[in-house]
Amino acid sequence: MARKSDEERLRELEEKMEQIKARKQQVESRLKEKERKARTKRLIEVGAIFEKHFEIEGQEEAEKLAIAMKLYVSKNKEKILNMTKEQLEEWDHKRYEKVSVSS
């Protein structure tokens, strides 16, 4: 059995490196695709929640409401996130009563 020359070994290693690079690219592509699908799912879920609670009927309405709420949310985000759903619903109900009485 003849030994391989250095040139043959080098060529084989280069071929293996190309194969590994191709496999790496495939794995990276799959990861990016999974991340893209997860983001799309998140956007749909968040959009559905926003649409449900604010009875949004279009992109323009959503954009206007988002801009209007941005300042309030950024100032109160920690407080809101620390509340339970029940506390938020009770808080919303109390605020609605105050608006109805003062109108």
PDB file of N, CA and C in Angstrom:
ATOM      1  N   MET A   1       0.842  -1.167   0.000  1.00  0.00           N
ATOM      2  CA  MET A   1       0.000   0.000   0.000  1.00  0.00           C
ATOM      3  C   MET A   1       0.891   1.236   0.000  1.00  0.00           C
ATOM      4  N   ALA A   2       0.659   2.085  -0.993  1.00  0.00           N
ATOM      5  CA  ALA A   2       1.484   3.277  -1.141  1.00  0.00           C
ATOM      6  C   ALA A   2       0.992   4.373  -0.204  1.00  0.00           C
ATOM      7  N   ARG A   3       1.943   5.080   0.326  1.00  0.00           N
ATOM      8  CA  ARG A   3       1.600   6.213   1.197  1.00  0.00           C
ATOM      9  C   ARG A   3       1.162   7.386   0.348  1.00  0.00           C
ATOM     10  N   LYS A   4       0.264   8.168   0.880  1.00  0.00           N
ATOM     11  CA  LYS A   4      -0.216   9.348   0.159  1.00  0.00           C
ATOM     12  C   LYS A   4       0.836  10.437   0.246  1.00  0.00           C
ATOM     13  N   SER A   5       0.924  11.187  -0.823  1.00  0.00           N
ATOM     14  CA  SER A   5       1.868  12.303  -0.812  1.00  0.00           C
ATOM     15  C   SER A   5       1.277  13.451   0.002  1.00  0.00           C
ATOM     16  N   ASP A   6       2.125  14.387   0.339  1.00  0.00           N
ATOM     17  CA  ASP A   6       1.663  15.562   1.087  1.00  0.00           C
ATOM     18  C   ASP A   6       0.620  16.329   0.285  1.00  0.00           C
ATOM     19  N   GLU A   7       0.784  16.388  -1.012  1.00  0.00           N
ATOM     20  CA  GLU A   7      -0.174  17.100  -1.864  1.00  0.00           C
ATOM     21  C   GLU A   7      -1.553  16.421  -1.816  1.00  0.00           C
ATOM     22  N   GLU A   8      -1.568  15.086  -1.830  1.00  0.00           N
ATOM     23  CA  GLU A   8      -2.829  14.350  -1.770  1.00  0.00           C
ATOM     24  C   GLU A   8      -3.512  14.560  -0.417  1.00  0.00           C
ATOM     25  N   ARG A   9      -2.740  14.510   0.636  1.00  0.00           N
ATOM     26  CA  ARG A   9      -3.292  14.745   1.971  1.00  0.00           C
ATOM     27  C   ARG A   9      -3.854  16.153   2.085  1.00  0.00           C
ATOM     28  N   LEU A  10      -3.134  17.110   1.558  1.00  0.00           N
ATOM     29  CA  LEU A  10      -3.584  18.504   1.586  1.00  0.00           C
ATOM     30  C   LEU A  10      -4.894  18.656   0.814  1.00  0.00           C
ATOM     31  N   ARG A  11      -4.991  18.046  -0.353  1.00  0.00           N
ATOM     32  CA  ARG A  11      -6.197  18.108  -1.171  1.00  0.00           C
ATOM     33  C   ARG A  11      -7.377  17.473  -0.422  1.00  0.00           C
ATOM     34  N   GLU A  12      -7.166  16.331   0.222  1.00  0.00           N
ATOM     35  CA  GLU A  12      -8.224  15.678   0.985  1.00  0.00           C
ATOM     36  C   GLU A  12      -8.696  16.540   2.147  1.00  0.00           C
ATOM     37  N   LEU A  13      -7.749  17.164   2.830  1.00  0.00           N
ATOM     38  CA  LEU A  13      -8.117  18.043   3.950  1.00  0.00           C
ATOM     39  C   LEU A  13      -8.921  19.251   3.467  1.00  0.00           C
ATOM     40  N   GLU A  14      -8.527  19.796   2.335  1.00  0.00           N
ATOM     41  CA  GLU A  14      -9.261  20.937   1.778  1.00  0.00           C
ATOM     42  C   GLU A  14     -10.678  20.532   1.391  1.00  0.00           C
ATOM     43  N   GLU A  15     -10.842  19.330   0.836  1.00  0.00           N
ATOM     44  CA  GLU A  15     -12.172  18.830   0.496  1.00  0.00           C
ATOM     45  C   GLU A  15     -13.027  18.664   1.747  1.00  0.00           C
ATOM     46  N   LYS A  16     -12.436  18.112   2.798  1.00  0.00           N
ATOM     47  CA  LYS A  16     -13.156  17.942   4.062  1.00  0.00           C
ATOM     48  C   LYS A  16     -13.559  19.299   4.646  1.00  0.00           C
ATOM     49  N   MET A  17     -12.655  20.275   4.540  1.00  0.00           N
ATOM     50  CA  MET A  17     -12.964  21.618   5.044  1.00  0.00           C
ATOM     51  C   MET A  17     -14.147  22.216   4.284  1.00  0.00           C
ATOM     52  N   GLU A  18     -14.202  22.030   2.984  1.00  0.00           N
ATOM     53  CA  GLU A  18     -15.311  22.535   2.183  1.00  0.00           C
ATOM     54  C   GLU A  18     -16.620  21.853   2.581  1.00  0.00           C
ATOM     55  N   GLN A  19     -16.557  20.547   2.824  1.00  0.00           N
ATOM     56  CA  GLN A  19     -17.751  19.816   3.247  1.00  0.00           C
ATOM     57  C   GLN A  19     -18.246  20.324   4.605  1.00  0.00           C
ATOM     58  N   ILE A  20     -17.309  20.550   5.507  1.00  0.00           N
ATOM     59  CA  ILE A  20     -17.674  21.054   6.842  1.00  0.00           C
ATOM     60  C   ILE A  20     -18.260  22.457   6.734  1.00  0.00           C
ATOM     61  N   LYS A  21     -17.677  23.298   5.897  1.00  0.00           N
ATOM     62  CA  LYS A  21     -18.208  24.651   5.693  1.00  0.00           C
ATOM     63  C   LYS A  21     -19.635  24.588   5.157  1.00  0.00           C
ATOM     64  N   ALA A  22     -19.884  23.677   4.221  1.00  0.00           N
ATOM     65  CA  ALA A  22     -21.223  23.538   3.645  1.00  0.00           C
ATOM     66  C   ALA A  22     -22.223  23.085   4.709  1.00  0.00           C
ATOM     67  N   ARG A  23     -21.820  22.132   5.537  1.00  0.00           N
ATOM     68  CA  ARG A  23     -22.695  21.663   6.626  1.00  0.00           C
ATOM     69  C   ARG A  23     -22.967  22.777   7.628  1.00  0.00           C
ATOM     70  N   LYS A  24     -21.926  23.541   7.945  1.00  0.00           N
ATOM     71  CA  LYS A  24     -22.077  24.660   8.883  1.00  0.00           C
ATOM     72  C   LYS A  24     -23.077  25.672   8.331  1.00  0.00           C
ATOM     73  N   GLN A  25     -22.986  25.969   7.062  1.00  0.00           N
ATOM     74  CA  GLN A  25     -23.896  26.923   6.440  1.00  0.00           C
ATOM     75  C   GLN A  25     -25.336  26.405   6.476  1.00  0.00           C
ATOM     76  N   GLN A  26     -25.524  25.113   6.276  1.00  0.00           N
ATOM     77  CA  GLN A  26     -26.864  24.529   6.339  1.00  0.00           C
ATOM     78  C   GLN A  26     -27.457  24.665   7.744  1.00  0.00           C
ATOM     79  N   VAL A  27     -26.639  24.383   8.749  1.00  0.00           N
ATOM     80  CA  VAL A  27     -27.110  24.494  10.136  1.00  0.00           C
ATOM     81  C   VAL A  27     -27.444  25.946  10.468  1.00  0.00           C
ATOM     82  N   GLU A  28     -26.584  26.870  10.058  1.00  0.00           N
ATOM     83  CA  GLU A  28     -26.852  28.290  10.297  1.00  0.00           C
ATOM     84  C   GLU A  28     -28.141  28.726   9.609  1.00  0.00           C
ATOM     85  N   SER A  29     -28.372  28.248   8.398  1.00  0.00           N
ATOM     86  CA  SER A  29     -29.604  28.577   7.669  1.00  0.00           C
ATOM     87  C   SER A  29     -30.830  28.058   8.399  1.00  0.00           C
ATOM     88  N   ARG A  30     -30.749  26.830   8.925  1.00  0.00           N
ATOM     89  CA  ARG A  30     -31.875  26.276   9.680  1.00  0.00           C
ATOM     90  C   ARG A  30     -32.151  27.097  10.938  1.00  0.00           C
ATOM     91  N   LEU A  31     -31.086  27.502  11.624  1.00  0.00           N
ATOM     92  CA  LEU A  31     -31.268  28.320  12.834  1.00  0.00           C
ATOM     93  C   LEU A  31     -31.920  29.658  12.503  1.00  0.00           C
ATOM     94  N   LYS A  32     -31.459  30.306  11.455  1.00  0.00           N
ATOM     95  CA  LYS A  32     -32.048  31.590  11.055  1.00  0.00           C
ATOM     96  C   LYS A  32     -33.515  31.431  10.678  1.00  0.00           C
ATOM     97  N   GLU A  33     -33.838  30.354  10.000  1.00  0.00           N
ATOM     98  CA  GLU A  33     -35.221  30.083   9.614  1.00  0.00           C
ATOM     99  C   GLU A  33     -36.096  29.880  10.849  1.00  0.00           C
ATOM    100  N   LYS A  34     -35.587  29.120  11.843  1.00  0.00           N
ATOM    101  CA  LYS A  34     -36.336  28.919  13.089  1.00  0.00           C
ATOM    102  C   LYS A  34     -36.555  30.242  13.813  1.00  0.00           C
ATOM    103  N   GLU A  35     -35.518  31.071  13.876  1.00  0.00           N
ATOM    104  CA  GLU A  35     -35.626  32.369  14.536  1.00  0.00           C
ATOM    105  C   GLU A  35     -36.635  33.260  13.813  1.00  0.00           C
ATOM    106  N   ARG A  36     -36.617  33.241  12.476  1.00  0.00           N
ATOM    107  CA  ARG A  36     -37.548  34.046  11.697  1.00  0.00           C
ATOM    108  C   ARG A  36     -38.991  33.599  11.946  1.00  0.00           C
ATOM    109  N   LYS A  37     -39.209  32.280  11.974  1.00  0.00           N
ATOM    110  CA  LYS A  37     -40.555  31.758  12.228  1.00  0.00           C
ATOM    111  C   LYS A  37     -41.031  32.090  13.639  1.00  0.00           C
ATOM    112  N   ALA A  38     -40.128  32.010  14.621  1.00  0.00           N
ATOM    113  CA  ALA A  38     -40.492  32.343  16.001  1.00  0.00           C
ATOM    114  C   ALA A  38     -40.862  33.821  16.115  1.00  0.00           C
ATOM    115  N   ARG A  39     -40.111  34.674  15.437  1.00  0.00           N
ATOM    116  CA  ARG A  39     -40.415  36.118  15.459  1.00  0.00           C
ATOM    117  C   ARG A  39     -41.770  36.384  14.805  1.00  0.00           C
ATOM    118  N   THR A  40     -42.019  35.751  13.672  1.00  0.00           N
ATOM    119  CA  THR A  40     -43.298  35.935  12.988  1.00  0.00           C
ATOM    120  C   THR A  40     -44.450  35.498  13.882  1.00  0.00           C
ATOM    121  N   LYS A  41     -44.302  34.371  14.556  1.00  0.00           N
ATOM    122  CA  LYS A  41     -45.339  33.883  15.461  1.00  0.00           C
ATOM    123  C   LYS A  41     -45.581  34.877  16.589  1.00  0.00           C
ATOM    124  N   ARG A  42     -44.482  35.388  17.159  1.00  0.00           N
ATOM    125  CA  ARG A  42     -44.588  36.374  18.241  1.00  0.00           C
ATOM    126  C   ARG A  42     -45.324  37.627  17.764  1.00  0.00           C
ATOM    127  N   LEU A  43     -44.972  38.119  16.587  1.00  0.00           N
ATOM    128  CA  LEU A  43     -45.617  39.309  16.058  1.00  0.00           C
ATOM    129  C   LEU A  43     -47.113  39.096  15.848  1.00  0.00           C
ATOM    130  N   ILE A  44     -47.477  37.928  15.352  1.00  0.00           N
ATOM    131  CA  ILE A  44     -48.890  37.621  15.147  1.00  0.00           C
ATOM    132  C   ILE A  44     -49.627  37.565  16.484  1.00  0.00           C
ATOM    133  N   GLU A  45     -49.033  36.895  17.471  1.00  0.00           N
ATOM    134  CA  GLU A  45     -49.675  36.772  18.782  1.00  0.00           C
ATOM    135  C   GLU A  45     -49.840  38.132  19.448  1.00  0.00           C
ATOM    136  N   VAL A  46     -48.793  38.941  19.434  1.00  0.00           N
ATOM    137  CA  VAL A  46     -48.856  40.259  20.056  1.00  0.00           C
ATOM    138  C   VAL A  46     -49.856  41.142  19.316  1.00  0.00           C
ATOM    139  N   GLY A  47     -49.831  41.086  18.003  1.00  0.00           N
ATOM    140  CA  GLY A  47     -50.780  41.862  17.206  1.00  0.00           C
ATOM    141  C   GLY A  47     -52.214  41.472  17.496  1.00  0.00           C
ATOM    142  N   ALA A  48     -52.463  40.183  17.662  1.00  0.00           N
ATOM    143  CA  ALA A  48     -53.814  39.706  17.961  1.00  0.00           C
ATOM    144  C   ALA A  48     -54.286  40.217  19.321  1.00  0.00           C
ATOM    145  N   ILE A  49     -53.395  40.204  20.301  1.00  0.00           N
ATOM    146  CA  ILE A  49     -53.749  40.714  21.631  1.00  0.00           C
ATOM    147  C   ILE A  49     -54.070  42.208  21.552  1.00  0.00           C
ATOM    148  N   PHE A  50     -53.222  42.944  20.856  1.00  0.00           N
ATOM    149  CA  PHE A  50     -53.408  44.386  20.699  1.00  0.00           C
ATOM    150  C   PHE A  50     -54.743  44.663  19.995  1.00  0.00           C
ATOM    151  N   GLU A  51     -55.020  43.942  18.941  1.00  0.00           N
ATOM    152  CA  GLU A  51     -56.253  44.116  18.167  1.00  0.00           C
ATOM    153  C   GLU A  51     -57.480  43.807  19.018  1.00  0.00           C
ATOM    154  N   LYS A  52     -57.385  42.740  19.807  1.00  0.00           N
ATOM    155  CA  LYS A  52     -58.513  42.315  20.647  1.00  0.00           C
ATOM    156  C   LYS A  52     -58.862  43.362  21.708  1.00  0.00           C
ATOM    157  N   HIS A  53     -57.855  43.819  22.435  1.00  0.00           N
ATOM    158  CA  HIS A  53     -58.114  44.709  23.561  1.00  0.00           C
ATOM    159  C   HIS A  53     -58.407  46.147  23.142  1.00  0.00           C
ATOM    160  N   PHE A  54     -57.989  46.549  21.960  1.00  0.00           N
ATOM    161  CA  PHE A  54     -58.202  47.923  21.527  1.00  0.00           C
ATOM    162  C   PHE A  54     -59.116  48.033  20.316  1.00  0.00           C
ATOM    163  N   GLU A  55     -59.698  46.918  19.914  1.00  0.00           N
ATOM    164  CA  GLU A  55     -60.626  46.884  18.792  1.00  0.00           C
ATOM    165  C   GLU A  55     -60.065  47.633  17.582  1.00  0.00           C
ATOM    166  N   ILE A  56     -58.844  47.286  17.240  1.00  0.00           N
ATOM    167  CA  ILE A  56     -58.129  47.913  16.135  1.00  0.00           C
ATOM    168  C   ILE A  56     -58.682  47.396  14.815  1.00  0.00           C
ATOM    169  N   GLU A  57     -58.862  48.315  13.868  1.00  0.00           N
ATOM    170  CA  GLU A  57     -59.387  47.914  12.567  1.00  0.00           C
ATOM    171  C   GLU A  57     -58.425  48.210  11.433  1.00  0.00           C
ATOM    172  N   GLY A  58     -57.204  48.478  11.738  1.00  0.00           N
ATOM    173  CA  GLY A  58     -56.256  48.709  10.658  1.00  0.00           C
ATOM    174  C   GLY A  58     -54.897  49.138  11.180  1.00  0.00           C
ATOM    175  N   GLN A  59     -53.944  49.132  10.278  1.00  0.00           N
ATOM    176  CA  GLN A  59     -52.568  49.459  10.639  1.00  0.00           C
ATOM    177  C   GLN A  59     -52.441  50.912  11.106  1.00  0.00           C
ATOM    178  N   GLU A  60     -53.155  51.820  10.462  1.00  0.00           N
ATOM    179  CA  GLU A  60     -53.052  53.231  10.840  1.00  0.00           C
ATOM    180  C   GLU A  60     -53.559  53.466  12.257  1.00  0.00           C
ATOM    181  N   GLU A  61     -54.696  52.850  12.595  1.00  0.00           N
ATOM    182  CA  GLU A  61     -55.217  52.971  13.970  1.00  0.00           C
ATOM    183  C   GLU A  61     -54.221  52.398  14.975  1.00  0.00           C
ATOM    184  N   ALA A  62     -53.671  51.248  14.663  1.00  0.00           N
ATOM    185  CA  ALA A  62     -52.713  50.607  15.563  1.00  0.00           C
ATOM    186  C   ALA A  62     -51.502  51.501  15.777  1.00  0.00           C
ATOM    187  N   GLU A  63     -51.000  52.087  14.709  1.00  0.00           N
ATOM    188  CA  GLU A  63     -49.823  52.964  14.799  1.00  0.00           C
ATOM    189  C   GLU A  63     -50.108  54.184  15.671  1.00  0.00           C
ATOM    190  N   LYS A  64     -51.252  54.812  15.482  1.00  0.00           N
ATOM    191  CA  LYS A  64     -51.612  55.991  16.277  1.00  0.00           C
ATOM    192  C   LYS A  64     -51.742  55.653  17.760  1.00  0.00           C
ATOM    193  N   LEU A  65     -52.421  54.548  18.055  1.00  0.00           N
ATOM    194  CA  LEU A  65     -52.572  54.150  19.458  1.00  0.00           C
ATOM    195  C   LEU A  65     -51.237  53.770  20.080  1.00  0.00           C
ATOM    196  N   ALA A  66     -50.400  53.100  19.325  1.00  0.00           N
ATOM    197  CA  ALA A  66     -49.085  52.711  19.841  1.00  0.00           C
ATOM    198  C   ALA A  66     -48.255  53.944  20.184  1.00  0.00           C
ATOM    199  N   ILE A  67     -48.284  54.932  19.332  1.00  0.00           N
ATOM    200  CA  ILE A  67     -47.537  56.170  19.592  1.00  0.00           C
ATOM    201  C   ILE A  67     -48.087  56.868  20.832  1.00  0.00           C
ATOM    202  N   ALA A  68     -49.411  56.929  20.936  1.00  0.00           N
ATOM    203  CA  ALA A  68     -50.042  57.601  22.074  1.00  0.00           C
ATOM    204  C   ALA A  68     -49.734  56.907  23.398  1.00  0.00           C
ATOM    205  N   MET A  69     -49.638  55.587  23.376  1.00  0.00           N
ATOM    206  CA  MET A  69     -49.416  54.831  24.609  1.00  0.00           C
ATOM    207  C   MET A  69     -47.948  54.678  24.969  1.00  0.00           C
ATOM    208  N   LYS A  70     -47.066  54.951  24.055  1.00  0.00           N
ATOM    209  CA  LYS A  70     -45.633  54.700  24.258  1.00  0.00           C
ATOM    210  C   LYS A  70     -45.090  55.383  25.516  1.00  0.00           C
ATOM    211  N   LEU A  71     -45.370  56.639  25.687  1.00  0.00           N
ATOM    212  CA  LEU A  71     -44.847  57.376  26.833  1.00  0.00           C
ATOM    213  C   LEU A  71     -45.384  56.815  28.143  1.00  0.00           C
ATOM    214  N   TYR A  72     -46.692  56.573  28.204  1.00  0.00           N
ATOM    215  CA  TYR A  72     -47.285  56.047  29.427  1.00  0.00           C
ATOM    216  C   TYR A  72     -46.689  54.693  29.797  1.00  0.00           C
ATOM    217  N   VAL A  73     -46.608  53.818  28.830  1.00  0.00           N
ATOM    218  CA  VAL A  73     -46.099  52.473  29.092  1.00  0.00           C
ATOM    219  C   VAL A  73     -44.651  52.522  29.531  1.00  0.00           C
ATOM    220  N   SER A  74     -43.839  53.334  28.862  1.00  0.00           N
ATOM    221  CA  SER A  74     -42.423  53.379  29.229  1.00  0.00           C
ATOM    222  C   SER A  74     -42.233  53.891  30.657  1.00  0.00           C
ATOM    223  N   LYS A  75     -43.080  54.785  31.104  1.00  0.00           N
ATOM    224  CA  LYS A  75     -42.981  55.299  32.474  1.00  0.00           C
ATOM    225  C   LYS A  75     -43.492  54.299  33.507  1.00  0.00           C
ATOM    226  N   ASN A  76     -44.444  53.468  33.140  1.00  0.00           N
ATOM    227  CA  ASN A  76     -45.108  52.581  34.101  1.00  0.00           C
ATOM    228  C   ASN A  76     -44.896  51.090  33.832  1.00  0.00           C
ATOM    229  N   LYS A  77     -43.978  50.749  32.952  1.00  0.00           N
ATOM    230  CA  LYS A  77     -43.796  49.361  32.528  1.00  0.00           C
ATOM    231  C   LYS A  77     -43.521  48.422  33.698  1.00  0.00           C
ATOM    232  N   GLU A  78     -42.588  48.764  34.579  1.00  0.00           N
ATOM    233  CA  GLU A  78     -42.253  47.889  35.710  1.00  0.00           C
ATOM    234  C   GLU A  78     -43.462  47.651  36.604  1.00  0.00           C
ATOM    235  N   LYS A  79     -44.197  48.706  36.914  1.00  0.00           N
ATOM    236  CA  LYS A  79     -45.381  48.581  37.763  1.00  0.00           C
ATOM    237  C   LYS A  79     -46.407  47.670  37.102  1.00  0.00           C
ATOM    238  N   ILE A  80     -46.658  47.880  35.827  1.00  0.00           N
ATOM    239  CA  ILE A  80     -47.648  47.090  35.102  1.00  0.00           C
ATOM    240  C   ILE A  80     -47.236  45.624  35.039  1.00  0.00           C
ATOM    241  N   LEU A  81     -45.971  45.363  34.729  1.00  0.00           N
ATOM    242  CA  LEU A  81     -45.508  43.981  34.593  1.00  0.00           C
ATOM    243  C   LEU A  81     -45.505  43.235  35.926  1.00  0.00           C
ATOM    244  N   ASN A  82     -45.435  43.951  37.018  1.00  0.00           N
ATOM    245  CA  ASN A  82     -45.452  43.312  38.334  1.00  0.00           C
ATOM    246  C   ASN A  82     -46.865  43.016  38.831  1.00  0.00           C
ATOM    247  N   MET A  83     -47.867  43.500  38.118  1.00  0.00           N
ATOM    248  CA  MET A  83     -49.255  43.260  38.500  1.00  0.00           C
ATOM    249  C   MET A  83     -49.740  41.947  37.877  1.00  0.00           C
ATOM    250  N   THR A  84     -50.681  41.286  38.576  1.00  0.00           N
ATOM    251  CA  THR A  84     -51.310  40.087  38.004  1.00  0.00           C
ATOM    252  C   THR A  84     -52.384  40.534  37.031  1.00  0.00           C
ATOM    253  N   LYS A  85     -52.874  39.601  36.215  1.00  0.00           N
ATOM    254  CA  LYS A  85     -53.961  39.924  35.287  1.00  0.00           C
ATOM    255  C   LYS A  85     -55.189  40.422  36.052  1.00  0.00           C
ATOM    256  N   GLU A  86     -55.459  39.779  37.176  1.00  0.00           N
ATOM    257  CA  GLU A  86     -56.621  40.158  37.976  1.00  0.00           C
ATOM    258  C   GLU A  86     -56.479  41.589  38.497  1.00  0.00           C
ATOM    259  N   GLN A  87     -55.286  41.929  38.968  1.00  0.00           N
ATOM    260  CA  GLN A  87     -55.039  43.293  39.450  1.00  0.00           C
ATOM    261  C   GLN A  87     -55.206  44.301  38.320  1.00  0.00           C
ATOM    262  N   LEU A  88     -54.715  43.957  37.156  1.00  0.00           N
ATOM    263  CA  LEU A  88     -54.851  44.859  36.006  1.00  0.00           C
ATOM    264  C   LEU A  88     -56.313  45.056  35.615  1.00  0.00           C
ATOM    265  N   GLU A  89     -57.081  43.966  35.621  1.00  0.00           N
ATOM    266  CA  GLU A  89     -58.495  44.078  35.276  1.00  0.00           C
ATOM    267  C   GLU A  89     -59.241  44.919  36.305  1.00  0.00           C
ATOM    268  N   GLU A  90     -58.915  44.736  37.587  1.00  0.00           N
ATOM    269  CA  GLU A  90     -59.551  45.525  38.647  1.00  0.00           C
ATOM    270  C   GLU A  90     -59.167  47.000  38.515  1.00  0.00           C
ATOM    271  N   TRP A  91     -57.910  47.251  38.253  1.00  0.00           N
ATOM    272  CA  TRP A  91     -57.402  48.609  38.072  1.00  0.00           C
ATOM    273  C   TRP A  91     -58.083  49.270  36.877  1.00  0.00           C
ATOM    274  N   ASP A  92     -58.249  48.534  35.788  1.00  0.00           N
ATOM    275  CA  ASP A  92     -58.905  49.044  34.584  1.00  0.00           C
ATOM    276  C   ASP A  92     -60.363  49.357  34.884  1.00  0.00           C
ATOM    277  N   HIS A  93     -61.022  48.462  35.625  1.00  0.00           N
ATOM    278  CA  HIS A  93     -62.425  48.665  35.961  1.00  0.00           C
ATOM    279  C   HIS A  93     -62.608  49.926  36.811  1.00  0.00           C
ATOM    280  N   LYS A  94     -61.732  50.123  37.793  1.00  0.00           N
ATOM    281  CA  LYS A  94     -61.808  51.311  38.655  1.00  0.00           C
ATOM    282  C   LYS A  94     -61.577  52.582  37.842  1.00  0.00           C
ATOM    283  N   ARG A  95     -60.635  52.550  36.928  1.00  0.00           N
ATOM    284  CA  ARG A  95     -60.353  53.724  36.085  1.00  0.00           C
ATOM    285  C   ARG A  95     -61.547  54.032  35.195  1.00  0.00           C
ATOM    286  N   TYR A  96     -62.208  52.992  34.666  1.00  0.00           N
ATOM    287  CA  TYR A  96     -63.363  53.178  33.792  1.00  0.00           C
ATOM    288  C   TYR A  96     -64.513  53.815  34.577  1.00  0.00           C
ATOM    289  N   GLU A  97     -64.696  53.373  35.838  1.00  0.00           N
ATOM    290  CA  GLU A  97     -65.755  53.946  36.677  1.00  0.00           C
ATOM    291  C   GLU A  97     -65.513  55.421  36.916  1.00  0.00           C
ATOM    292  N   LYS A  98     -64.266  55.810  37.177  1.00  0.00           N
ATOM    293  CA  LYS A  98     -63.926  57.215  37.412  1.00  0.00           C
ATOM    294  C   LYS A  98     -64.217  58.051  36.161  1.00  0.00           C
ATOM    295  N   VAL A  99     -63.887  57.546  35.004  1.00  0.00           N
ATOM    296  CA  VAL A  99     -64.121  58.281  33.758  1.00  0.00           C
ATOM    297  C   VAL A  99     -65.627  58.429  33.521  1.00  0.00           C
ATOM    298  N   SER A 100     -66.409  57.373  33.778  1.00  0.00           N
ATOM    299  CA  SER A 100     -67.859  57.404  33.563  1.00  0.00           C
ATOM    300  C   SER A 100     -68.534  58.392  34.508  1.00  0.00           C
ATOM    301  N   VAL A 101     -68.106  58.429  35.757  1.00  0.00           N
ATOM    302  CA  VAL A 101     -68.694  59.323  36.753  1.00  0.00           C
ATOM    303  C   VAL A 101     -68.361  60.768  36.453  1.00  0.00           C
ATOM    304  N   SER A 102     -67.140  61.046  36.031  1.00  0.00           N
ATOM    305  CA  SER A 102     -66.722  62.421  35.798  1.00  0.00           C
ATOM    306  C   SER A 102     -67.167  62.946  34.447  1.00  0.00           C
ATOM    307  N   SER A 103     -67.673  62.108  33.571  1.00  0.00           N
ATOM    308  CA  SER A 103     -68.111  62.554  32.227  1.00  0.00           C
ATOM    309  C   SER A 103     -69.455  63.212  32.264  1.00  0.00           C
TER     310      SER A 103
END
